[in-house]
Amino acid sequence: MRVFGFIVLLITNIFAGLAKGTVGIAEAKVNTVNFDKPYQDRLVKHIIQGNDAARIFESKISRGELYYQALVPEGKIKGALVLLPGAWEETESVLNHNKQLCRQAYDKGVMTVVPSTNAYICVDTSALDFLNKTFADVIVRYGVADDAFVIGGFSLGGTISLRYTEMAYEGARQTAIVPCAAFSVDGPVDYITLYRQFETSIRRNMDEEAVAEATYFIDGMHNVFGGSPEDTYINYVKRSVYTRGEPEGGNARYLATVPVRVYADPDIDWAMKYRKRDYYDMNASGLSALIVELNLQGNDKAAFVNRLGKGFRLDGTRHPHSWSLLDADDCIEWILMYMK
């Protein structure tokens, strides 16, 4: 395994924490996810840290813990499907939105893993540490190979899934796993572009919630990156999945050999009518640019999945920025192509 030495060191640190009482790994049944039997009975929660000092997870349900929820098949496990929440999304929401995908993964011997991460700006030290501890626990507890993980996420979770995968392929042994494939469901890829989108939302001032979100993330990027893109351009490039105008798309070069899918619902009519947004404000623009760059680098396993008109929330509300862009039948078939 490419990261075996890293895993040994990380696991040693985890269990050293257990001995000191600073890290708790526990197991509990989860009763707030709407799954049918036998799936509900195979849903468990493993606590990785008893506190969240870095505040990488905001929740109205948990008690300040950092954990992951897992749907665990019986018998030998073929691999793990990791689903990362969007900003401020509960882990229960991720599972409920992806009920069909989780069930199909279970039936094929693939476990689903949903880490409690939803309040970070990027893959910083705290987020990376928790994700690595989570994946190390899955490896030890369930015997999943470190290269039998497919990682994906929604919105900012999609951003993190692609950036974590890039870090795995940089060769600096920063990650606990080397994902065999990665995907993003309408997640932004370029923090400079995202910054500009948020600036536009504040300037247009068309929606109170959108302005609050934009203000929160601009303040967060100033704090994490050290200022605006004009002040600290290189920090934005270093943290982004893709940077337009940079040679090989910046960090995108590390995805040149990785099976990658990005999903988008580029419904410009909806965006203009209901959000007063244009093509420059849509994540689809950056996602399509990323895939063009990867195709130019020779990656014929990188694809933009156009899901025009397929975005809906759980209550049936039309919204192009939704988990529903992920088609379960198609996605599980794609996952199994690359999972050893």
Protein backbone atom coordinates (compact mmCIF):
# COMPACT_ATOMS: atom_id res chain seq x y z
CA MET A 1 0.00 0.00 0.00
CA ARG A 2 1.28 3.47 -0.86
CA VAL A 3 0.42 4.97 2.53
CA PHE A 4 0.90 1.97 4.83
CA GLY A 5 3.60 3.67 6.91
CA PHE A 6 1.41 6.74 7.33
CA ILE A 7 -1.51 4.58 8.49
CA VAL A 8 0.60 2.78 11.10
CA LEU A 9 1.77 6.11 12.56
CA LEU A 10 -1.71 7.61 12.49
CA ILE A 11 -3.35 4.57 14.13
CA THR A 12 -0.67 4.60 16.82
CA ASN A 13 -1.53 8.23 17.58
CA ILE A 14 -5.28 7.47 17.68
CA PHE A 15 -4.95 4.68 20.19
CA ALA A 16 -2.40 6.64 22.18
CA GLY A 17 -5.13 9.26 22.48
CA LEU A 18 -7.54 6.60 23.68
CA ALA A 19 -5.15 5.62 26.44
CA LYS A 20 -4.86 9.26 27.57
CA GLY A 21 -8.59 9.78 27.39
CA THR A 22 -8.24 12.58 24.82
CA VAL A 23 -9.77 10.67 21.91
CA GLY A 24 -12.84 8.50 22.14
CA ILE A 25 -13.87 5.95 19.52
CA ALA A 26 -17.32 4.68 20.36
CA GLU A 27 -20.17 2.96 18.57
CA ALA A 28 -23.87 3.66 18.73
CA LYS A 29 -26.98 2.91 16.73
CA VAL A 30 -28.39 5.80 14.72
CA ASN A 31 -32.15 6.28 14.94
CA THR A 32 -32.69 9.57 13.08
CA VAL A 33 -32.12 8.34 9.52
CA ASN A 34 -35.13 7.17 7.54
CA PHE A 35 -33.87 3.80 6.28
CA ASP A 36 -35.84 0.56 6.00
CA LYS A 37 -34.70 -2.75 7.45
CA PRO A 38 -32.18 -4.34 7.21
CA TYR A 39 -30.30 -1.13 6.36
CA GLN A 40 -31.39 0.75 9.49
CA ASP A 41 -30.06 -2.04 11.69
CA ARG A 42 -26.64 -1.86 9.99
CA LEU A 43 -26.24 1.88 10.47
CA VAL A 44 -23.70 2.81 13.14
CA LYS A 45 -21.98 5.89 14.52
CA HIS A 46 -18.31 5.94 15.50
CA ILE A 47 -17.05 8.86 17.57
CA ILE A 48 -13.49 9.83 16.64
CA GLN A 49 -13.00 12.91 18.84
CA GLY A 50 -14.90 13.92 21.93
CA ASN A 51 -14.61 17.60 21.15
CA ASP A 52 -14.46 19.90 18.15
CA ALA A 53 -12.15 22.69 19.26
CA ALA A 54 -11.49 23.78 15.66
CA ARG A 55 -15.26 23.88 14.93
CA ILE A 56 -15.19 22.00 11.67
CA PHE A 57 -18.73 20.73 12.26
CA GLU A 58 -21.80 22.79 13.14
CA SER A 59 -24.77 20.72 14.27
CA LYS A 60 -28.10 21.03 16.03
CA ILE A 61 -28.02 17.29 16.73
CA SER A 62 -24.57 16.25 17.92
CA ARG A 63 -22.94 17.25 21.22
CA GLY A 64 -19.79 18.85 19.83
CA GLU A 65 -18.30 15.49 18.86
CA LEU A 66 -16.52 14.60 15.66
CA TYR A 67 -17.69 11.26 14.30
CA TYR A 68 -18.68 9.37 11.21
CA GLN A 69 -21.83 7.48 10.38
CA ALA A 70 -21.49 4.24 8.44
CA LEU A 71 -23.83 1.87 6.68
CA VAL A 72 -21.97 -1.41 7.00
CA PRO A 73 -22.73 -4.47 4.83
CA GLU A 74 -22.56 -7.93 6.31
CA GLY A 75 -19.67 -10.14 5.28
CA LYS A 76 -16.54 -9.06 3.45
CA ILE A 77 -16.47 -5.37 2.57
CA LYS A 78 -15.32 -4.51 -0.93
CA GLY A 79 -14.58 -0.86 -0.29
CA ALA A 80 -15.89 2.41 1.12
CA LEU A 81 -17.98 5.18 -0.42
CA VAL A 82 -17.32 8.47 1.40
CA LEU A 83 -19.99 11.18 1.22
CA LEU A 84 -19.01 14.63 2.53
CA PRO A 85 -21.78 17.02 3.66
CA GLY A 86 -22.31 20.45 2.18
CA ALA A 87 -21.90 23.58 4.30
CA TRP A 88 -23.84 23.24 7.60
CA GLU A 89 -25.45 19.98 6.45
CA GLU A 90 -26.10 17.29 9.05
CA THR A 91 -24.79 13.77 8.43
CA GLU A 92 -28.36 12.49 8.73
CA SER A 93 -29.33 14.74 5.82
CA VAL A 94 -26.59 13.26 3.64
CA LEU A 95 -27.84 9.74 4.30
CA ASN A 96 -31.49 10.61 3.74
CA HIS A 97 -30.73 12.41 0.46
CA ASN A 98 -28.72 9.42 -0.76
CA LYS A 99 -30.88 6.60 0.54
CA GLN A 100 -31.02 4.71 -2.76
CA LEU A 101 -27.28 5.06 -3.41
CA CYS A 102 -26.43 3.87 0.11
CA ARG A 103 -28.71 0.86 -0.21
CA GLN A 104 -27.25 -0.11 -3.58
CA ALA A 105 -23.72 0.26 -2.22
CA TYR A 106 -24.66 -1.95 0.74
CA ASP A 107 -26.11 -4.60 -1.57
CA LYS A 108 -22.83 -4.63 -3.55
CA GLY A 109 -20.67 -5.00 -0.44
CA VAL A 110 -19.58 -1.35 -0.28
CA MET A 111 -19.91 0.54 3.00
CA THR A 112 -20.99 4.18 3.10
CA VAL A 113 -19.05 6.58 5.33
CA VAL A 114 -20.32 10.08 6.22
CA PRO A 115 -17.86 12.16 8.30
CA SER A 116 -19.10 15.06 10.45
CA THR A 117 -17.50 17.91 8.52
CA ASN A 118 -19.49 20.90 7.29
CA ALA A 119 -18.07 24.16 8.65
CA TYR A 120 -14.59 24.53 7.19
CA ILE A 121 -13.44 26.75 4.34
CA CYS A 122 -10.88 24.37 2.89
CA VAL A 123 -8.80 21.27 3.72
CA ASP A 124 -6.90 22.94 6.55
CA THR A 125 -4.89 21.15 9.23
CA SER A 126 -7.88 20.42 11.49
CA ALA A 127 -10.11 19.10 8.72
CA LEU A 128 -7.29 17.00 7.25
CA ASP A 129 -6.46 15.53 10.66
CA PHE A 130 -10.05 14.51 11.35
CA LEU A 131 -10.61 13.02 7.89
CA ASN A 132 -7.37 11.06 8.18
CA LYS A 133 -8.36 9.73 11.60
CA THR A 134 -11.77 8.75 10.24
CA PHE A 135 -10.34 6.86 7.28
CA ALA A 136 -7.70 5.19 9.46
CA ASP A 137 -10.47 3.95 11.74
CA VAL A 138 -12.41 2.54 8.77
CA ILE A 139 -9.26 0.73 7.58
CA VAL A 140 -8.58 -0.84 10.97
CA ARG A 141 -12.15 -1.52 12.05
CA TYR A 142 -13.50 -2.87 8.76
CA GLY A 143 -10.41 -4.02 6.88
CA VAL A 144 -10.93 -1.70 3.90
CA ALA A 145 -7.80 -1.23 1.77
CA ASP A 146 -6.50 2.35 1.67
CA ASP A 147 -6.90 2.41 -2.11
CA ALA A 148 -10.47 1.06 -2.12
CA PHE A 149 -12.14 4.36 -1.22
CA VAL A 150 -14.27 6.48 -3.53
CA ILE A 151 -14.75 9.96 -2.10
CA GLY A 152 -17.38 12.49 -3.07
CA GLY A 153 -19.47 15.28 -1.64
CA PHE A 154 -22.07 17.95 -2.18
CA SER A 155 -21.33 21.66 -2.60
CA LEU A 156 -18.36 22.52 -0.35
CA GLY A 157 -18.16 18.81 0.49
CA GLY A 158 -17.52 18.20 -3.21
CA THR A 159 -14.74 20.77 -3.14
CA ILE A 160 -13.12 19.00 -0.21
CA SER A 161 -13.45 15.57 -1.82
CA LEU A 162 -11.53 16.68 -4.92
CA ARG A 163 -8.90 18.64 -2.99
CA TYR A 164 -8.28 15.77 -0.56
CA THR A 165 -7.82 13.47 -3.55
CA GLU A 166 -5.31 15.87 -5.08
CA MET A 167 -3.35 15.87 -1.84
CA ALA A 168 -3.32 12.06 -1.93
CA TYR A 169 -1.73 12.10 -5.37
CA GLU A 170 0.79 14.87 -4.70
CA GLY A 171 3.11 12.25 -3.22
CA ALA A 172 3.78 14.01 0.08
CA ARG A 173 2.02 11.30 2.15
CA GLN A 174 -0.43 13.79 3.62
CA THR A 175 -3.49 11.56 3.47
CA ALA A 176 -4.59 8.31 5.09
CA ILE A 177 -6.05 6.97 1.85
CA VAL A 178 -5.43 7.20 -1.89
CA PRO A 179 -8.95 7.39 -3.38
CA CYS A 180 -9.43 5.25 -6.46
CA ALA A 181 -12.01 7.75 -7.77
CA ALA A 182 -13.54 11.06 -6.71
CA PHE A 183 -16.62 13.14 -7.51
CA SER A 184 -18.26 16.44 -6.72
CA VAL A 185 -21.94 17.32 -6.77
CA ASP A 186 -22.00 20.98 -7.83
CA GLY A 187 -19.08 22.01 -5.63
CA PRO A 188 -16.97 25.10 -6.42
CA VAL A 189 -13.39 24.37 -7.51
CA ASP A 190 -11.71 27.79 -7.68
CA TYR A 191 -11.65 29.91 -4.51
CA ILE A 192 -10.82 33.06 -6.49
CA THR A 193 -13.92 32.59 -8.62
CA LEU A 194 -15.95 31.77 -5.51
CA TYR A 195 -14.72 34.97 -3.84
CA ARG A 196 -15.87 36.99 -6.87
CA GLN A 197 -19.26 35.26 -6.81
CA PHE A 198 -19.73 36.20 -3.18
CA GLU A 199 -18.67 39.79 -3.88
CA THR A 200 -21.34 39.93 -6.58
CA SER A 201 -24.01 38.56 -4.21
CA ILE A 202 -23.23 41.27 -1.68
CA ARG A 203 -23.20 44.02 -4.33
CA ARG A 204 -26.51 42.93 -5.88
CA ASN A 205 -28.10 42.49 -2.44
CA MET A 206 -31.07 40.61 -3.88
CA ASP A 207 -31.45 38.01 -1.13
CA GLU A 208 -30.79 38.39 2.60
CA GLU A 209 -29.76 34.75 3.03
CA ALA A 210 -27.37 34.90 0.07
CA VAL A 211 -25.74 38.06 1.42
CA ALA A 212 -25.31 36.48 4.86
CA GLU A 213 -23.72 33.40 3.29
CA ALA A 214 -21.42 35.51 1.11
CA THR A 215 -20.32 37.65 4.04
CA TYR A 216 -19.60 34.56 6.16
CA PHE A 217 -17.44 32.93 3.50
CA ILE A 218 -15.57 36.08 2.48
CA ASP A 219 -14.70 36.68 6.15
CA GLY A 220 -13.67 33.03 6.40
CA MET A 221 -11.44 33.23 3.32
CA HIS A 222 -9.80 36.40 4.64
CA ASN A 223 -9.06 34.58 7.88
CA VAL A 224 -7.80 31.32 6.31
CA PHE A 225 -6.01 32.70 3.25
CA GLY A 226 -4.72 35.91 4.85
CA GLY A 227 -6.73 38.39 2.81
CA SER A 228 -8.39 38.83 -0.56
CA PRO A 229 -7.14 37.22 -3.80
CA GLU A 230 -5.33 40.49 -4.55
CA ASP A 231 -3.54 40.33 -1.20
CA THR A 232 -2.63 36.62 -1.11
CA TYR A 233 -3.16 35.21 -4.60
CA ILE A 234 -0.81 32.26 -4.11
CA ASN A 235 -2.70 31.09 -1.00
CA TYR A 236 -5.90 30.87 -3.01
CA VAL A 237 -4.12 28.89 -5.72
CA LYS A 238 -2.61 26.50 -3.19
CA ARG A 239 -5.99 25.74 -1.59
CA SER A 240 -8.10 25.52 -4.78
CA VAL A 241 -8.92 22.35 -6.70
CA TYR A 242 -8.46 24.28 -9.95
CA THR A 243 -7.30 27.79 -10.83
CA ARG A 244 -8.15 29.23 -14.21
CA GLY A 245 -5.08 30.77 -15.83
CA GLU A 246 -2.55 28.75 -13.86
CA PRO A 247 -0.38 26.21 -15.75
CA GLU A 248 -2.16 22.81 -15.78
CA GLY A 249 -4.97 24.37 -13.77
CA GLY A 250 -2.88 24.65 -10.62
CA ASN A 251 -3.62 21.71 -8.33
CA ALA A 252 -5.76 20.10 -11.05
CA ARG A 253 -2.56 18.48 -12.36
CA TYR A 254 -2.76 16.00 -9.47
CA LEU A 255 -6.04 14.63 -10.84
CA ALA A 256 -4.54 13.88 -14.25
CA THR A 257 -4.68 10.10 -13.69
CA VAL A 258 -7.71 9.88 -11.39
CA PRO A 259 -11.25 8.92 -12.44
CA VAL A 260 -13.21 12.10 -11.70
CA ARG A 261 -16.84 13.04 -12.12
CA VAL A 262 -18.47 16.41 -11.52
CA TYR A 263 -22.23 16.86 -11.52
CA ALA A 264 -24.09 20.07 -12.32
CA ASP A 265 -27.54 21.34 -13.24
CA PRO A 266 -26.68 24.43 -15.31
CA ASP A 267 -30.22 25.80 -15.43
CA ILE A 268 -29.53 29.43 -16.26
CA ASP A 269 -33.24 30.25 -16.57
CA TRP A 270 -33.84 29.17 -12.95
CA ALA A 271 -30.75 30.99 -11.71
CA MET A 272 -31.72 34.26 -13.39
CA LYS A 273 -35.38 34.12 -12.38
CA TYR A 274 -35.10 32.97 -8.77
CA ARG A 275 -31.62 34.08 -7.70
CA LYS A 276 -30.76 36.91 -10.12
CA ARG A 277 -27.54 35.07 -10.95
CA ASP A 278 -25.74 34.65 -14.28
CA TYR A 279 -23.40 32.02 -15.74
CA TYR A 280 -20.44 33.56 -13.91
CA ASP A 281 -22.20 32.81 -10.61
CA MET A 282 -22.74 29.11 -11.35
CA ASN A 283 -20.42 26.34 -10.17
CA ALA A 284 -20.96 24.63 -13.53
CA SER A 285 -18.61 27.12 -15.20
CA GLY A 286 -15.63 26.16 -13.04
CA LEU A 287 -16.51 22.46 -13.03
CA SER A 288 -16.62 22.34 -16.83
CA ALA A 289 -13.30 24.20 -17.01
CA LEU A 290 -11.73 21.65 -14.64
CA ILE A 291 -12.85 18.73 -16.80
CA VAL A 292 -11.65 20.39 -20.02
CA GLU A 293 -8.25 20.89 -18.36
CA LEU A 294 -8.06 17.27 -17.21
CA ASN A 295 -9.10 16.00 -20.65
CA LEU A 296 -6.35 18.12 -22.20
CA GLN A 297 -3.89 16.51 -19.80
CA GLY A 298 -4.92 13.10 -21.15
CA ASN A 299 -7.41 12.08 -18.47
CA ASP A 300 -10.15 10.32 -20.42
CA LYS A 301 -11.76 9.21 -17.14
CA ALA A 302 -12.67 12.78 -16.18
CA ALA A 303 -16.26 13.72 -17.03
CA PHE A 304 -18.74 16.56 -16.62
CA VAL A 305 -22.17 15.03 -15.96
CA ASN A 306 -24.82 17.44 -17.20
CA ARG A 307 -27.96 16.93 -15.08
CA LEU A 308 -29.98 19.83 -16.45
CA GLY A 309 -33.39 19.97 -14.80
CA LYS A 310 -32.62 17.19 -12.28
CA GLY A 311 -32.06 19.30 -9.15
CA PHE A 312 -34.70 18.81 -6.45
CA ARG A 313 -34.68 18.93 -2.66
CA LEU A 314 -36.14 16.12 -0.53
CA ASP A 315 -39.49 17.90 -0.24
CA GLY A 316 -39.76 18.10 -4.03
CA THR A 317 -38.76 21.75 -4.31
CA ARG A 318 -36.94 22.57 -7.55
CA HIS A 319 -33.35 23.63 -6.84
CA PRO A 320 -30.38 23.02 -9.20
CA HIS A 321 -27.96 22.94 -6.25
CA SER A 322 -29.06 19.60 -4.77
CA TRP A 323 -27.87 16.09 -3.96
CA SER A 324 -30.45 14.75 -6.44
CA LEU A 325 -28.03 15.44 -9.31
CA LEU A 326 -26.40 12.16 -8.29
CA ASP A 327 -28.24 9.31 -10.01
CA ALA A 328 -27.88 6.22 -7.80
CA ASP A 329 -27.98 3.57 -10.54
CA ASP A 330 -25.41 5.30 -12.70
CA CYS A 331 -23.17 6.31 -9.79
CA ILE A 332 -22.88 2.86 -8.22
CA GLU A 333 -22.02 1.37 -11.60
CA TRP A 334 -19.27 3.97 -12.00
CA ILE A 335 -17.96 3.37 -8.47
CA LEU A 336 -17.70 -0.38 -8.95
CA MET A 337 -15.67 0.12 -12.14
CA TYR A 338 -12.76 1.46 -10.10
CA MET A 339 -13.13 -0.16 -6.69
CA LYS A 340 -10.79 -3.15 -6.41
